[in-house]
Amino acid sequence: MNFTRIVVNGKLEKENNVMSEQWPKCWGANTEIFRNDSVSVNFLNLVKGGVCSWHLHQHKYNTFYLISGKVVIRTELGETVLNPGNSILVSAPMKHQFEALEDSGLIEIMWVSYDQRDIVRLVEGFRRKEEVKK
């Protein structure tokens, strides 16, 4: 794992974990570009005819953005063909799969769904009354 530090005028502005490892897959290769506790960004190098498993994520959402080539994304709702510049959102827990119709470069952004009900209020919020000026 590598770390990227962005320093501007001697001050640390940003620090990210950057992955440079590549994992071979039957459909091509996966390179993780960035990951933290809630999001992962991957570059998928797909070979023509490569098909990933038919699968789902219980809590993760996927956005696929096609850089080059041609890919079909299959979901429970049907098929969507992506051309360069096209994207698709696959919500959790929808079953999905991709297939490379040509050698392709695909960006995959995965993140965990945020539930706005995920809060335990220990004390209710309020607004303080301003003091009356005399």
Protein backbone atom coordinates (compact mmCIF):
# COMPACT_ATOMS: atom_id res chain seq x y z
CA MET A 1 0.00 0.00 0.00
CA ASN A 2 1.26 3.44 -0.91
CA PHE A 3 0.30 6.75 0.59
CA THR A 4 -0.29 9.97 -1.29
CA ARG A 5 0.28 13.22 0.55
CA ILE A 6 -0.66 16.52 -1.06
CA VAL A 7 1.28 19.42 0.44
CA VAL A 8 0.55 23.01 -0.56
CA ASN A 9 2.83 25.81 0.68
CA GLY A 10 4.32 23.49 3.29
CA LYS A 11 0.90 22.52 4.73
CA LEU A 12 -0.59 19.00 4.48
CA GLU A 13 -3.83 19.39 2.52
CA LYS A 14 -4.82 15.79 1.93
CA GLU A 15 -3.63 12.28 2.68
CA ASN A 16 -5.06 9.15 1.01
CA ASN A 17 -4.40 5.45 0.92
CA VAL A 18 -3.61 4.53 -2.68
CA MET A 19 -3.43 0.94 -3.78
CA SER A 20 -1.13 -0.01 -6.60
CA GLU A 21 -1.69 -3.78 -6.50
CA GLN A 22 -3.38 -5.50 -9.39
CA TRP A 23 -5.42 -8.66 -8.95
CA PRO A 24 -5.80 -10.97 -11.94
CA LYS A 25 -9.36 -12.13 -12.60
CA CYS A 26 -10.85 -14.57 -15.13
CA TRP A 27 -12.40 -11.52 -16.88
CA GLY A 28 -9.22 -9.37 -16.83
CA ALA A 29 -7.66 -7.53 -13.88
CA ASN A 30 -8.73 -5.29 -10.99
CA THR A 31 -6.56 -2.42 -9.72
CA GLU A 32 -7.75 -0.74 -6.53
CA ILE A 33 -7.03 2.98 -6.85
CA PHE A 34 -8.44 4.21 -3.52
CA ARG A 35 -10.12 2.75 -0.44
CA ASN A 36 -11.24 3.94 2.95
CA ASP A 37 -13.86 2.68 5.43
CA SER A 38 -16.82 3.59 3.22
CA VAL A 39 -15.70 3.75 -0.43
CA SER A 40 -13.50 1.86 -2.89
CA VAL A 41 -12.49 3.01 -6.38
CA ASN A 42 -11.22 0.40 -8.83
CA PHE A 43 -10.00 0.30 -12.41
CA LEU A 44 -11.22 -2.86 -14.14
CA ASN A 45 -9.23 -3.90 -17.20
CA LEU A 46 -11.68 -6.18 -19.01
CA VAL A 47 -10.82 -8.58 -21.83
CA LYS A 48 -13.32 -9.18 -24.63
CA GLY A 49 -15.64 -12.03 -23.62
CA GLY A 50 -14.78 -11.67 -19.90
CA VAL A 51 -17.81 -12.12 -17.64
CA CYS A 52 -17.87 -11.59 -13.86
CA SER A 53 -19.97 -13.73 -11.52
CA TRP A 54 -23.73 -13.12 -11.11
CA HIS A 55 -23.67 -11.64 -7.61
CA LEU A 56 -25.01 -9.06 -5.18
CA HIS A 57 -23.74 -6.91 -2.34
CA GLN A 58 -25.91 -6.72 0.75
CA HIS A 59 -24.88 -3.16 1.68
CA LYS A 60 -22.58 -1.85 -1.07
CA TYR A 61 -23.68 0.25 -4.02
CA ASN A 62 -21.78 0.18 -7.33
CA THR A 63 -21.36 2.85 -9.96
CA PHE A 64 -19.71 1.72 -13.18
CA TYR A 65 -18.23 4.36 -15.54
CA LEU A 66 -16.87 3.17 -18.88
CA ILE A 67 -13.59 4.75 -20.02
CA SER A 68 -13.05 2.70 -23.19
CA GLY A 69 -14.50 -0.28 -25.06
CA LYS A 70 -18.04 -1.63 -24.72
CA VAL A 71 -19.59 -3.42 -21.72
CA VAL A 72 -23.03 -4.81 -20.92
CA ILE A 73 -24.23 -4.60 -17.31
CA ARG A 74 -26.89 -7.16 -16.42
CA THR A 75 -29.21 -6.68 -13.45
CA GLU A 76 -32.48 -8.16 -12.26
CA LEU A 77 -34.16 -5.38 -14.27
CA GLY A 78 -32.49 -6.18 -17.61
CA GLU A 79 -29.39 -5.25 -19.60
CA THR A 80 -27.68 -1.90 -20.20
CA VAL A 81 -24.93 -1.49 -22.79
CA LEU A 82 -22.29 1.05 -21.79
CA ASN A 83 -20.25 3.00 -24.32
CA PRO A 84 -17.36 5.29 -23.32
CA GLY A 85 -18.64 8.08 -21.08
CA ASN A 86 -21.73 6.11 -19.95
CA SER A 87 -22.34 5.09 -16.35
CA ILE A 88 -24.84 3.04 -14.37
CA LEU A 89 -25.72 2.80 -10.67
CA VAL A 90 -26.44 -0.64 -9.22
CA SER A 91 -28.17 -0.31 -5.84
CA ALA A 92 -27.72 -2.80 -3.00
CA PRO A 93 -28.80 -5.61 -2.91
CA MET A 94 -29.52 -5.87 -6.66
CA LYS A 95 -28.04 -8.90 -8.42
CA HIS A 96 -25.70 -7.88 -11.22
CA GLN A 97 -22.98 -8.96 -13.63
CA PHE A 98 -20.84 -7.37 -16.34
CA GLU A 99 -19.55 -8.70 -19.65
CA ALA A 100 -16.92 -7.10 -21.87
CA LEU A 101 -18.18 -6.93 -25.46
CA GLU A 102 -14.75 -5.47 -26.39
CA ASP A 103 -11.48 -5.01 -24.50
CA SER A 104 -12.55 -2.30 -22.04
CA GLY A 105 -11.48 0.01 -19.25
CA LEU A 106 -14.15 0.39 -16.55
CA ILE A 107 -14.08 2.46 -13.36
CA GLU A 108 -15.99 0.89 -10.46
CA ILE A 109 -16.91 3.01 -7.45
CA MET A 110 -18.32 1.05 -4.51
CA TRP A 111 -19.67 2.60 -1.33
CA VAL A 112 -21.71 1.65 1.70
CA SER A 113 -25.24 2.99 1.91
CA TYR A 114 -25.72 5.70 4.51
CA ASP A 115 -28.96 5.35 6.47
CA GLN A 116 -30.22 8.69 7.79
CA ARG A 117 -32.08 6.81 10.53
CA ASP A 118 -28.69 5.67 11.87
CA ILE A 119 -28.70 8.10 14.78
CA VAL A 120 -29.34 7.78 18.50
CA ARG A 121 -30.32 11.13 19.99
CA LEU A 122 -29.20 11.32 23.62
CA VAL A 123 -30.45 14.87 24.09
CA GLU A 124 -32.77 16.64 21.64
CA GLY A 125 -31.41 19.70 19.87
CA PHE A 126 -32.79 23.16 20.62
CA ARG A 127 -32.23 26.81 19.89
CA ARG A 128 -31.07 29.11 22.67
CA LYS A 129 -33.14 32.24 23.21
CA GLU A 130 -31.19 35.44 22.76
CA GLU A 131 -30.93 37.64 25.79
CA VAL A 132 -33.30 40.59 25.69
CA LYS A 133 -31.32 43.80 25.14
CA LYS A 134 -32.38 46.86 27.11
